[in-house]
Amino acid sequence: MVSLSNHEAWARGALQSARNRAKRAGMDDSGAPPDIEQTAEKIRAGDRRALARAITLVESRRADHRERAEALLAALLPDSGRSVRLGISGPPGAGKSTFIEAFGSHLIEQGHRVAVLAIDPSSRVTGGSILGDKTRMERLARSLEAFVRPSPTGGSLGGVARRTREALLLCEAAGFDVVIVETVGVGQSETAVADMVDLFLLLLLPSGGDELQGIKKGVVELADLVVVNKADGDLVASARRAAAEYQSALRMLRPTTADWQVPVLQVSSREETGLEAVWRAVGKFRETLGEAGLAKKRAAQARAWMWSEIDDALLRAFRDHPAVAARLAEVERAVAEGREPAATAAKTLLRAFLERE
């Protein structure tokens, strides 16, 4: 038996460790992920199963899955960015899913391909989606020109799933030219959707000004388009009156986009009326932005996304730091029992995190 020097043994061990890590990440010995480009080609060809698997991959929190997801996103990034990105929010009962199904079906009839990223509340027991939008958008989900993906929020802020931005890029690469992100509802933390879409649509009920007063002002200020739903039957007059009240209230707010006065439209998702007016308003808004304005907006959103990733990574690193983990329970207990101010406790943990041995 030939004996190895310590250096040779170390080199072989290091090489085998690298190969094992690459194998777990789906890469070959050269460091290139052979299956990534194959998956990317399937997505570019519109393979819905490949798209669904890719979104599952980017939603995974496993380190090896994240490596593969980042490689896939890098491969598909040049194929993204060509869709109309819409965010839709509204209070519970406004009929968001019904509106999206009717609106999406209308767009498909016009020759568009529509992807819907429907963000559901997470079950505290299983962590999965509670509502399951595929069951609430059956007609749209059956269409070959549509892709409906319910995703649990996973407890993330902003009313959107943690990896919604990445799923949006994947849908664009798959050839969907309209991508709709539906948020859980309206609240202070729901505004994150505005940081990933071209137009933020607020869907309301024909309840009049009292409802507008009950909605967080920050959400209303983010709206680029307000739509009063359920303008049918006995509610037609109420919808017309509510639309006028909303329009009057919006004039008192400073518009988020120059040269754009937020319009208030009326639709009936049940009777599928008013949908074309909504689509025309989307087009008019994008024309107002112009190509340069849209590019600037998306660039700002990409930078915000980068900093969001940095924030998340730093928070994970902070919580996983051995010195922080060793003192966290004790410091939290001191704060909870009123023995130490929160600011002092935070500085204590930050010092433990930043100290270098």
Foldseek 3Di string as FASTA:
>chain_A
DDDDDPVVVVVVVVLVVVQVLQVLLCHHSVSHRPCLVVLLVCLLQLPQVSLVVLVVLCLDPDPSSVSSNVVNLVVLVVQFDQAAEEEEAAAPPLCPLLQCLLLQVVVVVVPAQEEEEEEAAADPVPRFHDPPSCVVNVVQCPDSSYHYHYGYCSPDFQQHNPCPLSSNRSNSSSPGRYYYYYGHHADPRNNVSLLRGDFYEYGYELPADVVVVVGDPVSVQSHQEYEYEPCDDPCVVSNVRRQVRSLVVQVVHDHPAPPGRHHYYYAYSVVSPPSVVVVVSSVVSDVSCDPVNSVVSNVVSVVVVVVVVVVVVVVVLLCPDPQLVVCVVVLVVCCVVVNDPPVVSVVVSVCSSPDDD
